[in-house]
Amino acid sequence: MTAADPASLAALHAQAFAAPWGADTFADLLLQPGVLAVSESDGFILIRTVVDEAEILTLAVVPSARRHGLGRRLVEAAAVAAVQAGATRLFLEVADDNIAARGLYERTGFNPMGRRKAYYASADGSRTDAVVMSRDLCAPDANLTLP
């Protein structure tokens, strides 16, 4: 984990998403208890841990760095950080039509557990379901390398 700069996170988020979060949003999140950021020059992941559960709030990788393993490294680093913070399970929500992200999460041990109907809004006004996924961080096959 590195100290996260809200402006830098917002700049990366803007490169990764059509409707990015602003620096103020990141500043507010980073002040909340249990919120952790793992960042690299081309991407970051933000998680929140509460008691024994953690949630991926957002994962951003700039387009030029995609498909090179950065997303996987960030997810794994976040899983380790979550365990160190006391979490036994990691959750996330991902747009049903975000095939690349769903594939990444499945490859890193997440399993679908539910759906939130019409959760995400698109710029054109259409709505997309969110797939809720979770990963057991204590499972024998969790494959976490703790420092």
C-alpha atoms as a PDB file:
ATOM      1  CA  MET A   1       0.000   0.000   0.000  1.00  0.00           C
ATOM      2  CA  THR A   2       1.119   3.479  -0.735  1.00  0.00           C
ATOM      3  CA  ALA A   3      -0.148   6.820   0.424  1.00  0.00           C
ATOM      4  CA  ALA A   4      -2.863   7.676  -2.063  1.00  0.00           C
ATOM      5  CA  ASP A   5      -3.229  11.139  -3.528  1.00  0.00           C
ATOM      6  CA  PRO A   6      -6.901  11.904  -4.341  1.00  0.00           C
ATOM      7  CA  ALA A   7      -6.014  13.978  -7.424  1.00  0.00           C
ATOM      8  CA  SER A   8      -3.838  11.182  -8.830  1.00  0.00           C
ATOM      9  CA  LEU A   9      -6.533   8.576  -8.189  1.00  0.00           C
ATOM     10  CA  ALA A  10      -9.125  10.800  -9.889  1.00  0.00           C
ATOM     11  CA  ALA A  11      -6.843  11.263 -12.913  1.00  0.00           C
ATOM     12  CA  LEU A  12      -6.367   7.494 -13.277  1.00  0.00           C
ATOM     13  CA  HIS A  13     -10.089   6.888 -12.748  1.00  0.00           C
ATOM     14  CA  ALA A  14     -10.885   9.408 -15.508  1.00  0.00           C
ATOM     15  CA  GLN A  15      -8.716   7.431 -17.937  1.00  0.00           C
ATOM     16  CA  ALA A  16     -10.426   4.165 -17.006  1.00  0.00           C
ATOM     17  CA  PHE A  17     -14.125   5.120 -16.759  1.00  0.00           C
ATOM     18  CA  ALA A  18     -16.630   7.098 -18.812  1.00  0.00           C
ATOM     19  CA  ALA A  19     -18.206   8.470 -15.604  1.00  0.00           C
ATOM     20  CA  PRO A  20     -15.208   8.926 -13.296  1.00  0.00           C
ATOM     21  CA  TRP A  21     -15.169   9.889  -9.645  1.00  0.00           C
ATOM     22  CA  GLY A  22     -13.644  13.244  -8.759  1.00  0.00           C
ATOM     23  CA  ALA A  23     -10.777  14.091  -6.428  1.00  0.00           C
ATOM     24  CA  ASP A  24     -13.236  15.220  -3.731  1.00  0.00           C
ATOM     25  CA  THR A  25     -14.899  11.803  -3.762  1.00  0.00           C
ATOM     26  CA  PHE A  26     -11.544  10.078  -3.318  1.00  0.00           C
ATOM     27  CA  ALA A  27     -10.512  12.521  -0.596  1.00  0.00           C
ATOM     28  CA  ASP A  28     -13.739  11.809   1.319  1.00  0.00           C
ATOM     29  CA  LEU A  29     -13.350   8.039   0.911  1.00  0.00           C
ATOM     30  CA  LEU A  30      -9.716   8.025   2.010  1.00  0.00           C
ATOM     31  CA  LEU A  31     -10.677   9.769   5.249  1.00  0.00           C
ATOM     32  CA  GLN A  32     -13.111   6.998   6.172  1.00  0.00           C
ATOM     33  CA  PRO A  33     -11.994   4.280   8.587  1.00  0.00           C
ATOM     34  CA  GLY A  34     -11.076   1.015   6.903  1.00  0.00           C
ATOM     35  CA  VAL A  35     -10.573   2.473   3.410  1.00  0.00           C
ATOM     36  CA  LEU A  36      -7.309   1.388   1.810  1.00  0.00           C
ATOM     37  CA  ALA A  37      -5.783   2.147  -1.564  1.00  0.00           C
ATOM     38  CA  VAL A  38      -3.204   0.096  -3.420  1.00  0.00           C
ATOM     39  CA  SER A  39      -1.816   2.120  -6.286  1.00  0.00           C
ATOM     40  CA  GLU A  40       0.731   1.927  -9.048  1.00  0.00           C
ATOM     41  CA  SER A  41       1.519   4.411 -11.789  1.00  0.00           C
ATOM     42  CA  ASP A  42      -1.052   2.943 -14.215  1.00  0.00           C
ATOM     43  CA  GLY A  43      -3.819   1.851 -11.872  1.00  0.00           C
ATOM     44  CA  PHE A  44      -5.172   1.414  -8.385  1.00  0.00           C
ATOM     45  CA  ILE A  45      -7.704  -0.460  -6.308  1.00  0.00           C
ATOM     46  CA  LEU A  46      -9.701   0.976  -3.423  1.00  0.00           C
ATOM     47  CA  ILE A  47     -11.210  -1.245  -0.744  1.00  0.00           C
ATOM     48  CA  ARG A  48     -13.163  -0.740   2.463  1.00  0.00           C
ATOM     49  CA  THR A  49     -12.873  -3.177   5.349  1.00  0.00           C
ATOM     50  CA  VAL A  50     -15.520  -3.371   8.062  1.00  0.00           C
ATOM     51  CA  VAL A  51     -15.032  -5.975  10.799  1.00  0.00           C
ATOM     52  CA  ASP A  52     -14.453  -9.239   8.882  1.00  0.00           C
ATOM     53  CA  GLU A  53     -15.674  -8.191   5.431  1.00  0.00           C
ATOM     54  CA  ALA A  54     -14.060  -6.070   2.740  1.00  0.00           C
ATOM     55  CA  GLU A  55     -15.462  -4.580  -0.435  1.00  0.00           C
ATOM     56  CA  ILE A  56     -13.711  -3.476  -3.589  1.00  0.00           C
ATOM     57  CA  LEU A  57     -15.022   0.044  -4.136  1.00  0.00           C
ATOM     58  CA  THR A  58     -13.297   0.556  -7.470  1.00  0.00           C
ATOM     59  CA  LEU A  59     -10.482  -0.837  -9.590  1.00  0.00           C
ATOM     60  CA  ALA A  60      -9.007   1.357 -12.322  1.00  0.00           C
ATOM     61  CA  VAL A  61      -6.358   0.438 -14.874  1.00  0.00           C
ATOM     62  CA  VAL A  62      -5.540   2.855 -17.688  1.00  0.00           C
ATOM     63  CA  PRO A  63      -6.332   1.415 -21.140  1.00  0.00           C
ATOM     64  CA  SER A  64      -2.677   1.200 -22.251  1.00  0.00           C
ATOM     65  CA  ALA A  65      -1.826  -0.991 -19.229  1.00  0.00           C
ATOM     66  CA  ARG A  66      -4.702  -3.454 -19.556  1.00  0.00           C
ATOM     67  CA  ARG A  67      -4.155  -7.139 -20.342  1.00  0.00           C
ATOM     68  CA  HIS A  68      -0.649  -7.092 -18.802  1.00  0.00           C
ATOM     69  CA  GLY A  69      -1.433  -8.438 -15.315  1.00  0.00           C
ATOM     70  CA  LEU A  70      -1.758  -5.145 -13.436  1.00  0.00           C
ATOM     71  CA  GLY A  71      -5.431  -5.710 -12.571  1.00  0.00           C
ATOM     72  CA  ARG A  72      -4.617  -9.159 -11.189  1.00  0.00           C
ATOM     73  CA  ARG A  73      -1.717  -7.785  -9.115  1.00  0.00           C
ATOM     74  CA  LEU A  74      -3.925  -5.048  -7.696  1.00  0.00           C
ATOM     75  CA  VAL A  75      -6.723  -7.484  -6.819  1.00  0.00           C
ATOM     76  CA  GLU A  76      -4.259  -9.820  -5.107  1.00  0.00           C
ATOM     77  CA  ALA A  77      -2.607  -6.955  -3.207  1.00  0.00           C
ATOM     78  CA  ALA A  78      -6.044  -5.790  -2.073  1.00  0.00           C
ATOM     79  CA  ALA A  79      -6.923  -9.301  -0.906  1.00  0.00           C
ATOM     80  CA  VAL A  80      -3.736  -9.427   1.182  1.00  0.00           C
ATOM     81  CA  ALA A  81      -4.455  -5.961   2.610  1.00  0.00           C
ATOM     82  CA  ALA A  82      -8.005  -7.050   3.452  1.00  0.00           C
ATOM     83  CA  VAL A  83      -6.752 -10.133   5.319  1.00  0.00           C
ATOM     84  CA  GLN A  84      -4.230  -8.009   7.199  1.00  0.00           C
ATOM     85  CA  ALA A  85      -7.112  -5.717   8.201  1.00  0.00           C
ATOM     86  CA  GLY A  86      -9.075  -8.712   9.535  1.00  0.00           C
ATOM     87  CA  ALA A  87     -11.355  -9.552   6.593  1.00  0.00           C
ATOM     88  CA  THR A  88     -12.253 -13.137   5.763  1.00  0.00           C
ATOM     89  CA  ARG A  89     -14.332 -12.346   2.659  1.00  0.00           C
ATOM     90  CA  LEU A  90     -13.975  -9.822  -0.153  1.00  0.00           C
ATOM     91  CA  PHE A  91     -17.016  -8.544  -2.080  1.00  0.00           C
ATOM     92  CA  LEU A  92     -17.546  -6.454  -5.186  1.00  0.00           C
ATOM     93  CA  GLU A  93     -20.163  -5.340  -7.673  1.00  0.00           C
ATOM     94  CA  VAL A  94     -19.398  -5.349 -11.390  1.00  0.00           C
ATOM     95  CA  ALA A  95     -21.526  -4.358 -14.370  1.00  0.00           C
ATOM     96  CA  ASP A  96     -23.035  -7.420 -16.006  1.00  0.00           C
ATOM     97  CA  ASP A  97     -21.849  -6.235 -19.416  1.00  0.00           C
ATOM     98  CA  ASN A  98     -18.236  -5.631 -18.274  1.00  0.00           C
ATOM     99  CA  ILE A  99     -16.975  -8.959 -19.587  1.00  0.00           C
ATOM    100  CA  ALA A 100     -13.279  -8.149 -19.135  1.00  0.00           C
ATOM    101  CA  ALA A 101     -13.688  -7.199 -15.463  1.00  0.00           C
ATOM    102  CA  ARG A 102     -15.935 -10.178 -14.737  1.00  0.00           C
ATOM    103  CA  GLY A 103     -13.293 -12.451 -16.262  1.00  0.00           C
ATOM    104  CA  LEU A 104     -10.563 -10.899 -14.134  1.00  0.00           C
ATOM    105  CA  TYR A 105     -12.591 -11.365 -10.980  1.00  0.00           C
ATOM    106  CA  GLU A 106     -13.447 -14.972 -11.831  1.00  0.00           C
ATOM    107  CA  ARG A 107      -9.761 -15.710 -12.534  1.00  0.00           C
ATOM    108  CA  THR A 108      -8.844 -14.247  -9.145  1.00  0.00           C
ATOM    109  CA  GLY A 109     -11.235 -16.468  -7.206  1.00  0.00           C
ATOM    110  CA  PHE A 110     -14.480 -14.506  -7.074  1.00  0.00           C
ATOM    111  CA  ASN A 111     -17.812 -16.250  -7.520  1.00  0.00           C
ATOM    112  CA  PRO A 112     -21.169 -14.692  -8.436  1.00  0.00           C
ATOM    113  CA  MET A 113     -23.568 -14.616  -5.499  1.00  0.00           C
ATOM    114  CA  GLY A 114     -26.351 -12.314  -6.597  1.00  0.00           C
ATOM    115  CA  ARG A 115     -27.516  -9.533  -8.844  1.00  0.00           C
ATOM    116  CA  ARG A 116     -28.695  -5.951  -8.377  1.00  0.00           C
ATOM    117  CA  LYS A 117     -31.198  -5.182 -11.126  1.00  0.00           C
ATOM    118  CA  ALA A 118     -30.667  -1.979 -13.121  1.00  0.00           C
ATOM    119  CA  TYR A 119     -27.927  -0.872 -10.718  1.00  0.00           C
ATOM    120  CA  TYR A 120     -25.678   1.071 -13.120  1.00  0.00           C
ATOM    121  CA  ALA A 121     -26.872   3.979 -15.253  1.00  0.00           C
ATOM    122  CA  SER A 122     -25.323   4.668 -18.655  1.00  0.00           C
ATOM    123  CA  ALA A 123     -24.926   8.083 -20.261  1.00  0.00           C
ATOM    124  CA  ASP A 124     -27.733   7.211 -22.687  1.00  0.00           C
ATOM    125  CA  GLY A 125     -30.126   6.534 -19.802  1.00  0.00           C
ATOM    126  CA  SER A 126     -30.100   2.750 -20.088  1.00  0.00           C
ATOM    127  CA  ARG A 127     -29.578   0.625 -16.983  1.00  0.00           C
ATOM    128  CA  THR A 128     -27.309  -2.385 -16.462  1.00  0.00           C
ATOM    129  CA  ASP A 129     -27.466  -5.024 -13.753  1.00  0.00           C
ATOM    130  CA  ALA A 130     -24.645  -5.386 -11.240  1.00  0.00           C
ATOM    131  CA  VAL A 131     -23.319  -8.854 -10.526  1.00  0.00           C
ATOM    132  CA  VAL A 132     -22.390  -9.216  -6.847  1.00  0.00           C
ATOM    133  CA  MET A 133     -19.345 -11.434  -6.404  1.00  0.00           C
ATOM    134  CA  SER A 134     -17.402 -12.652  -3.390  1.00  0.00           C
ATOM    135  CA  ARG A 135     -14.133 -14.376  -2.594  1.00  0.00           C
ATOM    136  CA  ASP A 136     -13.419 -16.418   0.513  1.00  0.00           C
ATOM    137  CA  LEU A 137     -10.072 -15.154   1.766  1.00  0.00           C
ATOM    138  CA  CYS A 138      -9.675 -18.042   4.222  1.00  0.00           C
ATOM    139  CA  ALA A 139     -10.304 -20.903   1.793  1.00  0.00           C
ATOM    140  CA  PRO A 140      -7.441 -23.380   1.358  1.00  0.00           C
ATOM    141  CA  ASP A 141      -7.246 -22.374  -2.313  1.00  0.00           C
ATOM    142  CA  ALA A 142      -7.187 -18.616  -1.577  1.00  0.00           C
ATOM    143  CA  ASN A 143      -3.504 -18.612  -2.601  1.00  0.00           C
ATOM    144  CA  LEU A 144      -2.634 -15.444  -0.722  1.00  0.00           C
ATOM    145  CA  THR A 145       1.010 -14.639  -0.115  1.00  0.00           C
ATOM    146  CA  LEU A 146       1.159 -12.700   3.114  1.00  0.00           C
ATOM    147  CA  PRO A 147       4.328 -10.758   3.960  1.00  0.00           C
END
